């Protein structure tokens, strides 16, 4: 397994030096493991280009199998531990908006019910999170929009209503302020912009929810966000919202996991906690905007 783990690190880190740092070992150990693996398989896994490496065809094939094998090893350990104290690492992915305002209460409940589970949370765009789950890099992820992947199990968490968000007193809707490419909300915002007859010339991209709403609040542009997100923002008093057509505003939020993943009670607890948290947030948002 050490050879496969080393090989996977070299591929994902882009070279021997970066892989050695990630694995906390010296470069010579990484190099010798790769050479040994190539000798055992009687195949060249990398093309050497100066100091750089590029995957050879055999390397591409091995990388897919290495990911699956290492994931199975992790799943086997998780399955065995669940028989006892349900300890182990649980890797969770979420959109920035979801992680910022909705995930924390659910994680608190998860920790209370499964004390031995060690949590790891990463944020990314919906499309990137889908890829991570497909590649067994996450046990589950919370994403927006429809997910049509045969390899994934999809649990409906609820639906978000996207609204147009602007600074109070501003009528600006030519400049969009959005998350980067791959965000489901971004795709809806661009579709809305086109339907309004606006020509998208340039999009201001920011990586955080707070950054986007902060820039909108001072009149730099507009965005589309779930209504409850705006209601809970620290900029809520400086923002105004406006409804958009239902075919663009209603976006499903789902929890995805791989069909080959180990069934875990912790994931069931997490899903239920998130659903209840979403229902509470939506009720609070309705009261605040009533």
Protein backbone atom coordinates (compact mmCIF):
# COMPACT_ATOMS: atom_id res chain seq x y z
CA UNK A 1 0.00 0.00 0.00
CA UNK A 2 2.93 2.37 0.66
CA UNK A 3 3.95 2.22 -3.00
CA UNK A 4 0.43 3.03 -4.20
CA UNK A 5 0.09 5.80 -1.63
CA UNK A 6 3.40 7.28 -2.79
CA UNK A 7 2.43 6.96 -6.46
CA UNK A 8 -0.91 8.68 -5.80
CA UNK A 9 0.85 11.52 -3.92
CA UNK A 10 3.29 12.09 -6.79
CA UNK A 11 0.41 12.32 -9.29
CA UNK A 12 -1.72 14.65 -7.17
CA UNK A 13 1.13 16.85 -5.93
CA UNK A 14 2.72 17.12 -9.34
CA UNK A 15 6.19 15.84 -8.57
CA UNK A 16 8.65 14.03 -6.31
CA UNK A 17 9.55 17.01 -4.10
CA UNK A 18 5.96 18.02 -3.35
CA UNK A 19 5.00 14.39 -2.71
CA UNK A 20 7.89 13.92 -0.28
CA UNK A 21 6.73 16.97 1.67
CA UNK A 22 3.16 15.70 1.82
CA UNK A 23 4.31 12.26 2.97
CA UNK A 24 6.90 13.67 5.41
CA UNK A 25 9.74 11.69 3.89
CA UNK A 26 12.86 12.35 1.82
CA UNK A 27 12.85 12.53 -1.97
CA UNK A 28 15.03 9.44 -2.31
CA UNK A 29 12.36 7.31 -0.59
CA UNK A 30 9.69 8.55 -2.98
CA UNK A 31 11.93 7.95 -6.00
CA UNK A 32 12.87 4.43 -4.92
CA UNK A 33 9.22 3.46 -4.29
CA UNK A 34 8.19 4.68 -7.73
CA UNK A 35 11.08 2.80 -9.40
CA UNK A 36 10.21 -0.35 -7.45
CA UNK A 37 6.58 -0.06 -8.50
CA UNK A 38 7.56 0.34 -12.15
CA UNK A 39 9.82 -2.72 -11.89
CA UNK A 40 7.06 -4.80 -10.30
CA UNK A 41 4.58 -3.80 -12.99
CA UNK A 42 7.18 -3.86 -15.77
CA UNK A 43 5.73 -0.59 -17.05
CA UNK A 44 6.82 3.04 -17.23
CA UNK A 45 4.41 5.07 -15.11
CA UNK A 46 5.83 8.53 -15.78
CA UNK A 47 7.53 10.36 -18.58
CA UNK A 48 10.56 12.24 -17.26
CA UNK A 49 10.74 15.80 -18.60
CA UNK A 50 13.76 17.47 -17.08
CA UNK A 51 12.88 17.82 -13.41
CA UNK A 52 9.19 17.34 -14.09
CA UNK A 53 6.99 14.26 -14.47
CA UNK A 54 4.03 13.53 -16.73
CA UNK A 55 1.79 10.49 -16.43
CA UNK A 56 2.40 7.79 -19.01
CA UNK A 57 -0.62 5.79 -20.32
CA UNK A 58 0.10 3.00 -17.83
CA UNK A 59 0.24 5.61 -15.08
CA UNK A 60 -3.23 6.88 -15.95
CA UNK A 61 -4.61 3.35 -15.64
CA UNK A 62 -2.81 2.67 -12.37
CA UNK A 63 -3.96 5.98 -10.86
CA UNK A 64 -7.62 5.03 -11.24
CA UNK A 65 -7.03 1.64 -9.61
CA UNK A 66 -4.82 3.12 -6.89
CA UNK A 67 -7.59 5.52 -5.86
CA UNK A 68 -10.08 2.66 -5.67
CA UNK A 69 -7.73 0.34 -3.77
CA UNK A 70 -6.76 2.97 -1.21
CA UNK A 71 -10.40 3.94 -0.78
CA UNK A 72 -11.34 0.29 -0.21
CA UNK A 73 -8.62 0.06 2.41
CA UNK A 74 -10.05 3.11 4.14
CA UNK A 75 -13.60 1.73 3.87
CA UNK A 76 -12.51 -1.62 5.31
CA UNK A 77 -11.00 0.14 8.32
CA UNK A 78 -14.13 2.24 8.76
CA UNK A 79 -16.37 -0.81 8.53
CA UNK A 80 -14.37 -2.67 11.15
CA UNK A 81 -14.30 0.31 13.49
CA UNK A 82 -18.04 0.80 13.18
CA UNK A 83 -18.52 -2.60 14.77
CA UNK A 84 -16.91 -1.14 17.88
CA UNK A 85 -16.87 2.55 18.77
CA UNK A 86 -17.57 4.04 15.33
CA UNK A 87 -14.26 5.88 15.27
CA UNK A 88 -12.35 7.02 12.23
CA UNK A 89 -12.19 9.92 9.80
CA UNK A 90 -15.23 11.30 7.98
CA UNK A 91 -14.46 13.61 5.06
CA UNK A 92 -17.29 16.02 4.26
CA UNK A 93 -17.54 18.48 1.38
CA UNK A 94 -19.86 21.48 1.11
CA UNK A 95 -20.53 24.60 -0.89
CA UNK A 96 -19.21 27.80 0.69
CA UNK A 97 -22.72 29.12 1.44
CA UNK A 98 -23.80 25.82 2.96
CA UNK A 99 -20.66 25.41 5.06
CA UNK A 100 -20.76 29.01 6.29
CA UNK A 101 -24.28 29.05 7.67
CA UNK A 102 -25.92 25.63 7.71
CA UNK A 103 -23.36 22.93 8.34
CA UNK A 104 -22.11 23.84 11.82
CA UNK A 105 -25.29 22.89 13.79
CA UNK A 106 -25.42 19.56 11.96
CA UNK A 107 -21.75 18.83 12.71
CA UNK A 108 -22.34 19.63 16.38
CA UNK A 109 -25.10 17.04 16.52
CA UNK A 110 -22.96 14.55 14.61
CA UNK A 111 -20.11 14.91 17.10
CA UNK A 112 -22.51 14.47 20.02
CA UNK A 113 -23.94 11.24 18.58
CA UNK A 114 -20.67 9.79 17.23
CA UNK A 115 -17.93 10.94 19.60
CA UNK A 116 -15.20 8.78 18.05
CA UNK A 117 -15.57 10.17 14.54
CA UNK A 118 -12.91 12.65 13.40
CA UNK A 119 -14.35 15.21 10.98
CA UNK A 120 -12.64 16.81 7.99
CA UNK A 121 -14.53 19.51 6.08
CA UNK A 122 -13.58 21.05 2.72
CA UNK A 123 -15.42 23.67 0.67
CA UNK A 124 -15.53 23.91 -3.12
CA UNK A 125 -17.90 24.45 -6.01
CA UNK A 126 -20.67 21.91 -6.59
CA UNK A 127 -19.05 20.48 -9.72
CA UNK A 128 -15.68 20.06 -7.99
CA UNK A 129 -17.31 18.36 -4.98
CA UNK A 130 -19.10 15.89 -7.25
CA UNK A 131 -15.74 14.94 -8.76
CA UNK A 132 -14.19 14.49 -5.32
CA UNK A 133 -16.94 12.10 -4.24
CA UNK A 134 -16.70 10.19 -7.52
CA UNK A 135 -12.94 9.82 -6.94
CA UNK A 136 -13.47 8.64 -3.34
CA UNK A 137 -11.78 11.71 -1.87
CA UNK A 138 -14.86 12.55 0.22
CA UNK A 139 -17.35 10.33 2.02
CA UNK A 140 -20.14 12.78 1.24
CA UNK A 141 -20.79 16.29 -0.03
CA UNK A 142 -23.58 18.86 -0.03
CA UNK A 143 -24.10 20.37 -3.48
CA UNK A 144 -26.67 22.40 -5.39
CA UNK A 145 -28.52 21.44 -8.55
CA UNK A 146 -29.41 18.12 -10.13
CA UNK A 147 -26.82 15.36 -9.91
CA UNK A 148 -27.14 12.64 -12.55
CA UNK A 149 -24.35 10.18 -11.82
CA UNK A 150 -25.02 6.45 -11.68
CA UNK A 151 -22.18 5.91 -9.22
CA UNK A 152 -23.70 8.25 -6.62
CA UNK A 153 -26.46 8.01 -4.06
CA UNK A 154 -28.41 11.27 -3.86
CA UNK A 155 -30.40 12.37 -0.80
CA UNK A 156 -32.69 15.38 -1.22
CA UNK A 157 -32.03 17.91 1.54
CA UNK A 158 -34.43 20.59 0.37
CA UNK A 159 -34.84 23.42 -2.09
CA UNK A 160 -33.33 26.87 -1.98
CA UNK A 161 -35.06 29.93 -3.39
CA UNK A 162 -32.54 32.16 -5.14
CA UNK A 163 -33.26 35.88 -5.10
CA UNK A 164 -31.67 38.88 -6.76
CA UNK A 165 -29.57 40.72 -4.18
CA UNK A 166 -28.61 44.40 -4.50
CA UNK A 167 -27.58 47.25 -2.24
CA UNK A 168 -30.49 49.29 -0.91
CA UNK A 169 -31.18 52.20 -3.25
CA UNK A 170 -29.17 50.62 -6.08
CA UNK A 171 -30.60 49.47 -9.41
CA UNK A 172 -27.34 47.96 -10.64
CA UNK A 173 -27.72 44.59 -12.33
CA UNK A 174 -25.12 44.82 -15.09
CA UNK A 175 -22.17 43.79 -12.88
CA UNK A 176 -22.46 40.29 -11.44
CA UNK A 177 -20.51 39.29 -8.31
CA UNK A 178 -20.29 35.50 -8.13
CA UNK A 179 -18.38 32.45 -6.97
CA UNK A 180 -15.95 30.90 -9.45
CA UNK A 181 -16.77 28.55 -12.32
CA UNK A 182 -18.50 25.33 -11.24
CA UNK A 183 -20.86 26.98 -8.74
CA UNK A 184 -24.52 26.06 -9.35
CA UNK A 185 -25.69 29.51 -8.19
CA UNK A 186 -23.30 31.14 -10.66
CA UNK A 187 -24.82 29.15 -13.52
CA UNK A 188 -28.33 30.32 -12.53
CA UNK A 189 -27.14 33.93 -12.26
CA UNK A 190 -25.67 33.87 -15.76
CA UNK A 191 -28.86 32.29 -17.14
CA UNK A 192 -30.96 34.97 -15.42
CA UNK A 193 -28.69 37.69 -16.83
CA UNK A 194 -29.15 36.37 -20.36
CA UNK A 195 -32.92 36.14 -19.98
CA UNK A 196 -32.97 39.78 -18.86
CA UNK A 197 -31.25 40.72 -22.10
CA UNK A 198 -28.05 41.72 -20.32
CA UNK A 199 -24.74 41.03 -22.02
CA UNK A 200 -22.28 39.47 -19.60
CA UNK A 201 -19.01 41.27 -20.22
CA UNK A 202 -17.14 40.63 -17.00
CA UNK A 203 -17.91 38.82 -13.75
CA UNK A 204 -16.37 39.79 -10.45
CA UNK A 205 -15.30 36.51 -8.80
CA UNK A 206 -14.84 36.15 -5.05
CA UNK A 207 -14.16 33.07 -2.98
CA UNK A 208 -16.24 33.75 0.13
CA UNK A 209 -19.89 34.39 0.87
CA UNK A 210 -19.04 37.31 3.14
CA UNK A 211 -16.90 38.88 0.44
CA UNK A 212 -19.63 38.66 -2.18
CA UNK A 213 -22.39 40.11 0.00
CA UNK A 214 -20.03 42.77 1.33
CA UNK A 215 -19.24 43.99 -2.18
CA UNK A 216 -22.91 43.89 -3.14
CA UNK A 217 -23.82 45.91 -0.03
CA UNK A 218 -21.68 48.85 -1.16
CA UNK A 219 -23.18 48.87 -4.64
CA UNK A 220 -20.39 47.23 -6.64
CA UNK A 221 -22.82 44.85 -8.31
CA UNK A 222 -25.55 42.28 -7.74
CA UNK A 223 -25.73 38.55 -7.17
CA UNK A 224 -28.14 35.64 -6.75
CA UNK A 225 -28.22 33.97 -3.34
CA UNK A 226 -30.66 31.86 -1.32
CA UNK A 227 -33.11 34.14 0.51
CA UNK A 228 -32.25 32.67 3.91
CA UNK A 229 -28.54 33.37 3.35
CA UNK A 230 -29.27 37.05 2.82
CA UNK A 231 -31.56 37.16 5.87
CA UNK A 232 -28.78 35.78 8.10
CA UNK A 233 -26.00 37.92 6.65
CA UNK A 234 -24.42 40.70 8.70
CA UNK A 235 -25.13 42.92 5.68
CA UNK A 236 -28.87 42.14 5.68
CA UNK A 237 -29.91 45.71 6.62
CA UNK A 238 -27.90 47.12 3.71
CA UNK A 239 -29.32 44.72 1.12
CA UNK A 240 -32.58 44.39 -0.75
CA UNK A 241 -33.92 41.26 -2.43
CA UNK A 242 -36.13 40.72 -5.43
CA UNK A 243 -37.74 37.55 -6.72
CA UNK A 244 -36.73 36.03 -10.05
CA UNK A 245 -38.67 33.57 -12.26
CA UNK A 246 -39.36 30.22 -10.52
CA UNK A 247 -37.64 28.12 -13.20
CA UNK A 248 -34.39 29.87 -12.21
CA UNK A 249 -34.98 30.55 -8.52
CA UNK A 250 -35.71 27.06 -7.18
CA UNK A 251 -32.52 25.05 -6.76
CA UNK A 252 -32.35 21.64 -5.05
CA UNK A 253 -29.72 20.99 -2.39
CA UNK A 254 -28.63 17.37 -2.12
CA UNK A 255 -26.25 15.22 -0.12
CA UNK A 256 -24.25 12.85 -2.33
CA UNK A 257 -22.12 9.82 -1.52
CA UNK A 258 -20.60 7.01 -3.52
CA UNK A 259 -22.58 3.80 -3.95
CA UNK A 260 -19.43 1.82 -3.17
CA UNK A 261 -18.96 3.65 0.13
CA UNK A 262 -19.44 1.89 3.44
CA UNK A 263 -22.96 2.42 4.90
CA UNK A 264 -22.38 4.61 7.95
CA UNK A 265 -24.79 5.57 10.70
CA UNK A 266 -22.85 8.82 11.05
CA UNK A 267 -23.87 9.81 7.52
CA UNK A 268 -27.52 9.09 8.31
CA UNK A 269 -27.25 11.25 11.42
CA UNK A 270 -25.62 14.04 9.41
CA UNK A 271 -28.29 13.98 6.70
CA UNK A 272 -31.13 14.14 9.22
CA UNK A 273 -29.45 16.93 11.18
CA UNK A 274 -28.95 18.99 8.02
CA UNK A 275 -32.58 18.53 6.94
CA UNK A 276 -33.82 19.70 10.34
CA UNK A 277 -31.37 22.62 10.35
CA UNK A 278 -32.55 23.68 6.88
CA UNK A 279 -36.19 23.59 7.98
CA UNK A 280 -35.38 25.76 11.02
CA UNK A 281 -33.40 28.25 8.93
CA UNK A 282 -36.17 28.57 6.35
CA UNK A 283 -38.79 29.17 9.06
CA UNK A 284 -36.57 31.83 10.65
CA UNK A 285 -36.05 33.48 7.25
CA UNK A 286 -39.80 33.58 6.58
CA UNK A 287 -40.45 35.24 9.95
CA UNK A 288 -37.70 37.81 9.40
CA UNK A 289 -38.89 38.77 5.90
CA UNK A 290 -42.63 38.69 6.76
